[in-house]
Each structure stands twice: as C-alpha cells, then as structure tokens.
C-alpha cells in the first residue's frame, strides 16, 4: 500500500497479494500466450505508475482525484473512471452456456469489441497514465504488469472507433511505438464456437 498519510489512495491502490509468485506468473504466461516474463519490467511498471501519480498529484483537479482509480494487482494495472457505467458482461461461464443453448453469442458479447495495443514500452505506460489522470482517454483499460498488452473493452461500433482513433492519435502525437488491433469480444468465444465467426472481426450471422 502507499506509505504515509498522503491521499493517493484515491488514485492508486496497490492490490498485489503478499504471496505473488513470479515463477507461477511466468509459467502462466508461457502456457497461455507463449510469452516470456521480463521480471524487471514487471516490477518496474508499478514504480512507473507510482512515479507519475507522485509527480502529477498536486496539479490534479479534485474531481480527477476522486473519480480515478489505478489498481495494481498481481497481473494487471487497471485504469478505472468511476464516472463511466460498468460494461455489462455475462462472464465466461454464462457466455458459453448461452452459445450452447442458442447457437449464437450472448447479446452483450455480440456488441463487445476488445481493443488491444502491443509492442509498447515503459514510456508509453508513463504517458498513458498521465493522460488517464488528466481525464483524456475515452475508455477504461488495463495493462499487463509486464507491458505485454493493453486491453480496452468497448460496447458498440461507435465506441470502438472512438477508442481506436484515440489510441492512433495518441501514438502519433507522442511518437511512441505501439501496434493497435481489435477483435470481437474474448478469443475464448471464437475458440468455443468457430462456426459463429467469419473472422476475429466478423460474425457469421446477422447480430
């Protein structure tokens, strides 16, 4: 947790568990995405976020201090704006059960896009954190602690296009590196019912 009596708890919550096991995280990464864990990047990402908060806190408006949460857990850095209504998500179990019963995606899944950014670095993390605290990004998002991927979920084509445009503009204006992609919902849906997808971005039926 943050030390002292400073009011950063409104902005940053360090939710890492005392039993965080880097070896277990490394095994999970290798098993599920084939990615090697860079332990120094994993540890450094928390320090980067905390440094940004420390350096910007005095300039933040009261509203931005109150509504923003940056939650660091064992695997993710989660950026939450309390002004945004939570996205409706049935969860994996209900989503798969709905497919089994109806041979189509759950209505919430049909409207859900997953925007992804790959191949970025600690400077990207620093600047996107500054943008978030200043109230700029158009969507909540999360970043893996080892900076493997940024993930933002969007409901509707309009919201997805806004997020894609924001990220493209952010990368261009800052000169930072990053590769932006998107797909329909979670990949586990396509893995479970490939016949419902023409591609990662198109369903095989009219939603």
C-alpha atoms as a PDB file:
ATOM      1  CA  UNK A   1       0.000   0.000   0.000  1.00  0.00           C
ATOM      2  CA  UNK A   2       1.016   3.651  -0.324  1.00  0.00           C
ATOM      3  CA  UNK A   3       3.019   4.821   2.677  1.00  0.00           C
ATOM      4  CA  UNK A   4       2.177   7.769   4.911  1.00  0.00           C
ATOM      5  CA  UNK A   5      -0.908   9.924   5.167  1.00  0.00           C
ATOM      6  CA  UNK A   6      -0.888  11.172   1.596  1.00  0.00           C
ATOM      7  CA  UNK A   7      -4.242  10.998  -0.156  1.00  0.00           C
ATOM      8  CA  UNK A   8      -3.016   8.903  -3.082  1.00  0.00           C
ATOM      9  CA  UNK A   9      -5.389   6.128  -2.060  1.00  0.00           C
ATOM     10  CA  UNK A  10      -7.986   7.950  -4.129  1.00  0.00           C
ATOM     11  CA  UNK A  11      -5.844   7.410  -7.201  1.00  0.00           C
ATOM     12  CA  UNK A  12      -3.611   4.393  -6.763  1.00  0.00           C
ATOM     13  CA  UNK A  13      -4.415   1.171  -4.944  1.00  0.00           C
ATOM     14  CA  UNK A  14      -1.674  -1.435  -4.764  1.00  0.00           C
ATOM     15  CA  UNK A  15      -3.631  -4.676  -4.563  1.00  0.00           C
ATOM     16  CA  UNK A  16      -0.720  -7.089  -5.003  1.00  0.00           C
ATOM     17  CA  UNK A  17      -1.002 -10.089  -2.730  1.00  0.00           C
ATOM     18  CA  UNK A  18       1.864 -10.921  -0.345  1.00  0.00           C
ATOM     19  CA  UNK A  19       2.089 -14.334  -1.976  1.00  0.00           C
ATOM     20  CA  UNK A  20       2.623 -13.072  -5.527  1.00  0.00           C
ATOM     21  CA  UNK A  21       4.748 -15.731  -7.229  1.00  0.00           C
ATOM     22  CA  UNK A  22       6.735 -14.553 -10.252  1.00  0.00           C
ATOM     23  CA  UNK A  23       7.588 -18.128 -11.198  1.00  0.00           C
ATOM     24  CA  UNK A  24       3.884 -19.008 -11.314  1.00  0.00           C
ATOM     25  CA  UNK A  25       3.100 -15.896 -13.365  1.00  0.00           C
ATOM     26  CA  UNK A  26       5.927 -16.793 -15.738  1.00  0.00           C
ATOM     27  CA  UNK A  27       4.538 -20.322 -16.151  1.00  0.00           C
ATOM     28  CA  UNK A  28       1.058 -18.965 -16.828  1.00  0.00           C
ATOM     29  CA  UNK A  29       2.344 -16.552 -19.462  1.00  0.00           C
ATOM     30  CA  UNK A  30       4.257 -19.299 -21.220  1.00  0.00           C
ATOM     31  CA  UNK A  31       1.308 -21.695 -21.104  1.00  0.00           C
ATOM     32  CA  UNK A  32      -1.415 -19.323 -22.256  1.00  0.00           C
ATOM     33  CA  UNK A  33       0.292 -16.828 -24.563  1.00  0.00           C
ATOM     34  CA  UNK A  34       3.775 -18.211 -25.092  1.00  0.00           C
ATOM     35  CA  UNK A  35       5.367 -15.043 -23.724  1.00  0.00           C
ATOM     36  CA  UNK A  36       8.456 -14.843 -21.548  1.00  0.00           C
ATOM     37  CA  UNK A  37       8.096 -12.849 -18.323  1.00  0.00           C
ATOM     38  CA  UNK A  38      10.600  -9.993 -18.005  1.00  0.00           C
ATOM     39  CA  UNK A  39      10.750  -9.694 -14.208  1.00  0.00           C
ATOM     40  CA  UNK A  40      12.484  -6.310 -14.269  1.00  0.00           C
ATOM     41  CA  UNK A  41       9.737  -4.838 -16.456  1.00  0.00           C
ATOM     42  CA  UNK A  42       7.081  -6.470 -14.259  1.00  0.00           C
ATOM     43  CA  UNK A  43       8.495  -4.835 -11.124  1.00  0.00           C
ATOM     44  CA  UNK A  44       9.345  -1.552 -12.842  1.00  0.00           C
ATOM     45  CA  UNK A  45       5.819  -0.962 -14.155  1.00  0.00           C
ATOM     46  CA  UNK A  46       4.476  -0.390 -10.636  1.00  0.00           C
ATOM     47  CA  UNK A  47       7.235   2.136  -9.929  1.00  0.00           C
ATOM     48  CA  UNK A  48       6.497   3.940 -13.196  1.00  0.00           C
ATOM     49  CA  UNK A  49       2.816   4.326 -12.340  1.00  0.00           C
ATOM     50  CA  UNK A  50       3.563   5.428  -8.796  1.00  0.00           C
ATOM     51  CA  UNK A  51       6.119   7.998 -10.034  1.00  0.00           C
ATOM     52  CA  UNK A  52       3.542   9.508 -12.382  1.00  0.00           C
ATOM     53  CA  UNK A  53       0.994   9.841  -9.594  1.00  0.00           C
ATOM     54  CA  UNK A  54       3.537  11.403  -7.239  1.00  0.00           C
ATOM     55  CA  UNK A  55       4.626  13.925  -9.871  1.00  0.00           C
ATOM     56  CA  UNK A  56       1.125  14.932 -11.004  1.00  0.00           C
ATOM     57  CA  UNK A  57      -0.990  14.783  -7.846  1.00  0.00           C
ATOM     58  CA  UNK A  58      -0.673  18.480  -6.961  1.00  0.00           C
ATOM     59  CA  UNK A  59      -1.918  19.524 -10.409  1.00  0.00           C
ATOM     60  CA  UNK A  60      -4.951  17.214 -10.470  1.00  0.00           C
ATOM     61  CA  UNK A  61      -8.414  18.658 -10.062  1.00  0.00           C
ATOM     62  CA  UNK A  62     -10.481  17.479  -7.111  1.00  0.00           C
ATOM     63  CA  UNK A  63     -12.808  15.650  -9.500  1.00  0.00           C
ATOM     64  CA  UNK A  64      -9.970  13.799 -11.219  1.00  0.00           C
ATOM     65  CA  UNK A  65      -8.525  12.809  -7.855  1.00  0.00           C
ATOM     66  CA  UNK A  66     -11.909  11.481  -6.734  1.00  0.00           C
ATOM     67  CA  UNK A  67     -13.131   9.558  -9.777  1.00  0.00           C
ATOM     68  CA  UNK A  68      -9.930   7.856 -10.918  1.00  0.00           C
ATOM     69  CA  UNK A  69      -8.630   4.512  -9.728  1.00  0.00           C
ATOM     70  CA  UNK A  70      -5.433   2.801 -10.833  1.00  0.00           C
ATOM     71  CA  UNK A  71      -5.461  -0.662  -9.329  1.00  0.00           C
ATOM     72  CA  UNK A  72      -2.257  -2.698  -9.477  1.00  0.00           C
ATOM     73  CA  UNK A  73      -2.695  -6.400  -8.825  1.00  0.00           C
ATOM     74  CA  UNK A  74      -0.527  -9.455  -9.417  1.00  0.00           C
ATOM     75  CA  UNK A  75      -1.068  -9.409 -13.179  1.00  0.00           C
ATOM     76  CA  UNK A  76      -2.845  -6.200 -14.292  1.00  0.00           C
ATOM     77  CA  UNK A  77      -2.661  -2.445 -13.937  1.00  0.00           C
ATOM     78  CA  UNK A  78      -6.334  -1.466 -14.142  1.00  0.00           C
ATOM     79  CA  UNK A  79      -7.456   2.078 -15.021  1.00  0.00           C
ATOM     80  CA  UNK A  80     -10.995   2.819 -13.819  1.00  0.00           C
ATOM     81  CA  UNK A  81     -13.032   6.017 -14.120  1.00  0.00           C
ATOM     82  CA  UNK A  82     -15.947   5.932 -11.668  1.00  0.00           C
ATOM     83  CA  UNK A  83     -17.974   8.260 -13.897  1.00  0.00           C
ATOM     84  CA  UNK A  84     -18.326   5.514 -16.503  1.00  0.00           C
ATOM     85  CA  UNK A  85     -21.137   2.973 -16.058  1.00  0.00           C
ATOM     86  CA  UNK A  86     -19.755  -0.584 -15.836  1.00  0.00           C
ATOM     87  CA  UNK A  87     -19.907  -2.609 -19.032  1.00  0.00           C
ATOM     88  CA  UNK A  88     -22.494  -5.371 -18.956  1.00  0.00           C
ATOM     89  CA  UNK A  89     -20.708  -8.698 -19.294  1.00  0.00           C
ATOM     90  CA  UNK A  90     -22.291 -12.116 -18.730  1.00  0.00           C
ATOM     91  CA  UNK A  91     -18.927 -13.664 -17.794  1.00  0.00           C
ATOM     92  CA  UNK A  92     -17.285 -16.666 -19.424  1.00  0.00           C
ATOM     93  CA  UNK A  93     -19.498 -19.360 -17.888  1.00  0.00           C
ATOM     94  CA  UNK A  94     -22.802 -17.698 -18.841  1.00  0.00           C
ATOM     95  CA  UNK A  95     -21.484 -16.638 -22.249  1.00  0.00           C
ATOM     96  CA  UNK A  96     -20.521 -20.204 -23.148  1.00  0.00           C
ATOM     97  CA  UNK A  97     -23.778 -21.594 -21.763  1.00  0.00           C
ATOM     98  CA  UNK A  98     -25.714 -19.111 -23.921  1.00  0.00           C
ATOM     99  CA  UNK A  99     -23.848 -20.293 -27.019  1.00  0.00           C
ATOM    100  CA  UNK A 100     -24.681 -23.903 -26.165  1.00  0.00           C
ATOM    101  CA  UNK A 101     -28.368 -23.135 -25.762  1.00  0.00           C
ATOM    102  CA  UNK A 102     -28.844 -20.674 -28.644  1.00  0.00           C
ATOM    103  CA  UNK A 103     -26.017 -21.309 -31.150  1.00  0.00           C
ATOM    104  CA  UNK A 104     -25.116 -17.628 -31.203  1.00  0.00           C
ATOM    105  CA  UNK A 105     -23.243 -15.218 -28.951  1.00  0.00           C
ATOM    106  CA  UNK A 106     -24.879 -13.660 -25.924  1.00  0.00           C
ATOM    107  CA  UNK A 107     -26.366 -10.272 -26.969  1.00  0.00           C
ATOM    108  CA  UNK A 108     -23.849  -8.416 -24.783  1.00  0.00           C
ATOM    109  CA  UNK A 109     -20.991 -10.337 -26.398  1.00  0.00           C
ATOM    110  CA  UNK A 110     -22.257  -9.527 -29.898  1.00  0.00           C
ATOM    111  CA  UNK A 111     -21.861  -5.813 -29.120  1.00  0.00           C
ATOM    112  CA  UNK A 112     -18.496  -6.143 -27.368  1.00  0.00           C
ATOM    113  CA  UNK A 113     -15.184  -5.322 -29.007  1.00  0.00           C
ATOM    114  CA  UNK A 114     -11.764  -5.871 -27.481  1.00  0.00           C
ATOM    115  CA  UNK A 115      -9.209  -3.189 -28.440  1.00  0.00           C
ATOM    116  CA  UNK A 116      -5.581  -4.243 -27.982  1.00  0.00           C
ATOM    117  CA  UNK A 117      -2.211  -2.486 -28.059  1.00  0.00           C
ATOM    118  CA  UNK A 118       1.018  -4.485 -28.374  1.00  0.00           C
ATOM    119  CA  UNK A 119       4.739  -3.684 -28.658  1.00  0.00           C
ATOM    120  CA  UNK A 120       4.858  -0.656 -26.351  1.00  0.00           C
ATOM    121  CA  UNK A 121       7.309   0.259 -23.598  1.00  0.00           C
ATOM    122  CA  UNK A 122       7.582   1.955 -20.199  1.00  0.00           C
ATOM    123  CA  UNK A 123       7.405   5.430 -21.757  1.00  0.00           C
ATOM    124  CA  UNK A 124       4.036   4.523 -23.260  1.00  0.00           C
ATOM    125  CA  UNK A 125       2.907   3.380 -19.794  1.00  0.00           C
ATOM    126  CA  UNK A 126       4.089   6.655 -18.274  1.00  0.00           C
ATOM    127  CA  UNK A 127       2.349   8.867 -20.809  1.00  0.00           C
ATOM    128  CA  UNK A 128      -0.930   6.918 -20.969  1.00  0.00           C
ATOM    129  CA  UNK A 129      -1.062   7.107 -17.150  1.00  0.00           C
ATOM    130  CA  UNK A 130      -0.600  10.877 -17.306  1.00  0.00           C
ATOM    131  CA  UNK A 131      -3.377  11.077 -19.907  1.00  0.00           C
ATOM    132  CA  UNK A 132      -5.706   8.989 -17.760  1.00  0.00           C
ATOM    133  CA  UNK A 133      -5.151  11.114 -14.656  1.00  0.00           C
ATOM    134  CA  UNK A 134      -5.786  14.250 -16.707  1.00  0.00           C
ATOM    135  CA  UNK A 135      -9.117  12.805 -17.843  1.00  0.00           C
ATOM    136  CA  UNK A 136      -8.218  12.295 -21.507  1.00  0.00           C
ATOM    137  CA  UNK A 137      -8.772   8.629 -22.519  1.00  0.00           C
ATOM    138  CA  UNK A 138     -12.219   7.771 -23.837  1.00  0.00           C
ATOM    139  CA  UNK A 139     -12.342   4.318 -22.281  1.00  0.00           C
ATOM    140  CA  UNK A 140     -11.274   2.381 -19.222  1.00  0.00           C
ATOM    141  CA  UNK A 141      -8.476  -0.075 -19.905  1.00  0.00           C
ATOM    142  CA  UNK A 142      -5.960  -2.407 -18.326  1.00  0.00           C
ATOM    143  CA  UNK A 143      -2.293  -3.178 -18.978  1.00  0.00           C
ATOM    144  CA  UNK A 144      -0.418  -6.328 -18.055  1.00  0.00           C
ATOM    145  CA  UNK A 145       2.256  -5.737 -15.427  1.00  0.00           C
ATOM    146  CA  UNK A 146       4.953  -6.935 -17.845  1.00  0.00           C
ATOM    147  CA  UNK A 147       3.685  -4.486 -20.513  1.00  0.00           C
ATOM    148  CA  UNK A 148       2.695  -7.315 -22.841  1.00  0.00           C
ATOM    149  CA  UNK A 149      -0.661  -5.835 -23.882  1.00  0.00           C
ATOM    150  CA  UNK A 150      -3.158  -3.051 -23.243  1.00  0.00           C
ATOM    151  CA  UNK A 151      -6.799  -4.155 -23.306  1.00  0.00           C
ATOM    152  CA  UNK A 152      -9.913  -1.969 -23.582  1.00  0.00           C
ATOM    153  CA  UNK A 153     -13.443  -3.380 -23.907  1.00  0.00           C
ATOM    154  CA  UNK A 154     -15.982  -1.350 -25.883  1.00  0.00           C
ATOM    155  CA  UNK A 155     -19.730  -1.753 -26.425  1.00  0.00           C
ATOM    156  CA  UNK A 156     -20.880  -0.806 -29.898  1.00  0.00           C
ATOM    157  CA  UNK A 157     -19.081   0.072 -33.124  1.00  0.00           C
ATOM    158  CA  UNK A 158     -19.145   3.799 -32.379  1.00  0.00           C
ATOM    159  CA  UNK A 159     -17.352   3.454 -29.063  1.00  0.00           C
ATOM    160  CA  UNK A 160     -14.799   1.075 -30.582  1.00  0.00           C
ATOM    161  CA  UNK A 161     -13.984   3.539 -33.353  1.00  0.00           C
ATOM    162  CA  UNK A 162     -13.568   6.338 -30.796  1.00  0.00           C
ATOM    163  CA  UNK A 163     -11.104   4.260 -28.780  1.00  0.00           C
ATOM    164  CA  UNK A 164      -9.168   3.185 -31.880  1.00  0.00           C
ATOM    165  CA  UNK A 165      -8.956   6.787 -33.086  1.00  0.00           C
ATOM    166  CA  UNK A 166      -7.822   7.970 -29.655  1.00  0.00           C
ATOM    167  CA  UNK A 167      -5.052   5.372 -29.457  1.00  0.00           C
ATOM    168  CA  UNK A 168      -3.880   6.028 -33.017  1.00  0.00           C
ATOM    169  CA  UNK A 169      -3.784   9.782 -32.331  1.00  0.00           C
ATOM    170  CA  UNK A 170      -2.021   9.210 -29.010  1.00  0.00           C
ATOM    171  CA  UNK A 171       0.729   7.148 -30.612  1.00  0.00           C
ATOM    172  CA  UNK A 172       1.152   9.602 -33.486  1.00  0.00           C
ATOM    173  CA  UNK A 173       1.205  12.735 -31.314  1.00  0.00           C
ATOM    174  CA  UNK A 174       3.681  11.294 -28.810  1.00  0.00           C
ATOM    175  CA  UNK A 175       5.885   9.496 -31.326  1.00  0.00           C
ATOM    176  CA  UNK A 176       5.653   6.369 -29.182  1.00  0.00           C
ATOM    177  CA  UNK A 177       5.690   2.859 -30.582  1.00  0.00           C
ATOM    178  CA  UNK A 178       2.702   0.535 -30.340  1.00  0.00           C
ATOM    179  CA  UNK A 179       0.573  -1.741 -32.516  1.00  0.00           C
ATOM    180  CA  UNK A 180      -3.219  -1.295 -32.264  1.00  0.00           C
ATOM    181  CA  UNK A 181      -5.638  -4.105 -33.092  1.00  0.00           C
ATOM    182  CA  UNK A 182      -9.194  -5.142 -32.224  1.00  0.00           C
ATOM    183  CA  UNK A 183     -11.411  -8.203 -32.255  1.00  0.00           C
ATOM    184  CA  UNK A 184     -14.918  -9.257 -31.248  1.00  0.00           C
ATOM    185  CA  UNK A 185     -15.096  -9.965 -27.511  1.00  0.00           C
ATOM    186  CA  UNK A 186     -12.916 -12.642 -25.970  1.00  0.00           C
ATOM    187  CA  UNK A 187     -10.954 -15.104 -28.084  1.00  0.00           C
ATOM    188  CA  UNK A 188     -12.366 -17.921 -25.953  1.00  0.00           C
ATOM    189  CA  UNK A 189     -15.728 -17.349 -27.675  1.00  0.00           C
ATOM    190  CA  UNK A 190     -14.246 -17.978 -31.105  1.00  0.00           C
ATOM    191  CA  UNK A 191     -12.288 -20.966 -29.798  1.00  0.00           C
ATOM    192  CA  UNK A 192     -15.503 -22.450 -28.358  1.00  0.00           C
ATOM    193  CA  UNK A 193     -17.704 -21.799 -31.415  1.00  0.00           C
ATOM    194  CA  UNK A 194     -15.576 -21.076 -34.505  1.00  0.00           C
ATOM    195  CA  UNK A 195     -18.577 -21.568 -36.801  1.00  0.00           C
ATOM    196  CA  UNK A 196     -20.103 -18.360 -35.399  1.00  0.00           C
ATOM    197  CA  UNK A 197     -17.162 -16.274 -36.698  1.00  0.00           C
ATOM    198  CA  UNK A 198     -16.113 -15.379 -40.230  1.00  0.00           C
ATOM    199  CA  UNK A 199     -13.013 -13.802 -38.705  1.00  0.00           C
ATOM    200  CA  UNK A 200     -11.920 -12.261 -35.420  1.00  0.00           C
ATOM    201  CA  UNK A 201     -13.749  -9.095 -36.510  1.00  0.00           C
ATOM    202  CA  UNK A 202     -16.869 -10.547 -38.171  1.00  0.00           C
ATOM    203  CA  UNK A 203     -19.629 -12.874 -37.063  1.00  0.00           C
ATOM    204  CA  UNK A 204     -21.010 -15.478 -39.461  1.00  0.00           C
ATOM    205  CA  UNK A 205     -24.591 -14.312 -38.841  1.00  0.00           C
ATOM    206  CA  UNK A 206     -26.505 -11.043 -38.549  1.00  0.00           C
ATOM    207  CA  UNK A 207     -26.486  -9.834 -34.950  1.00  0.00           C
END
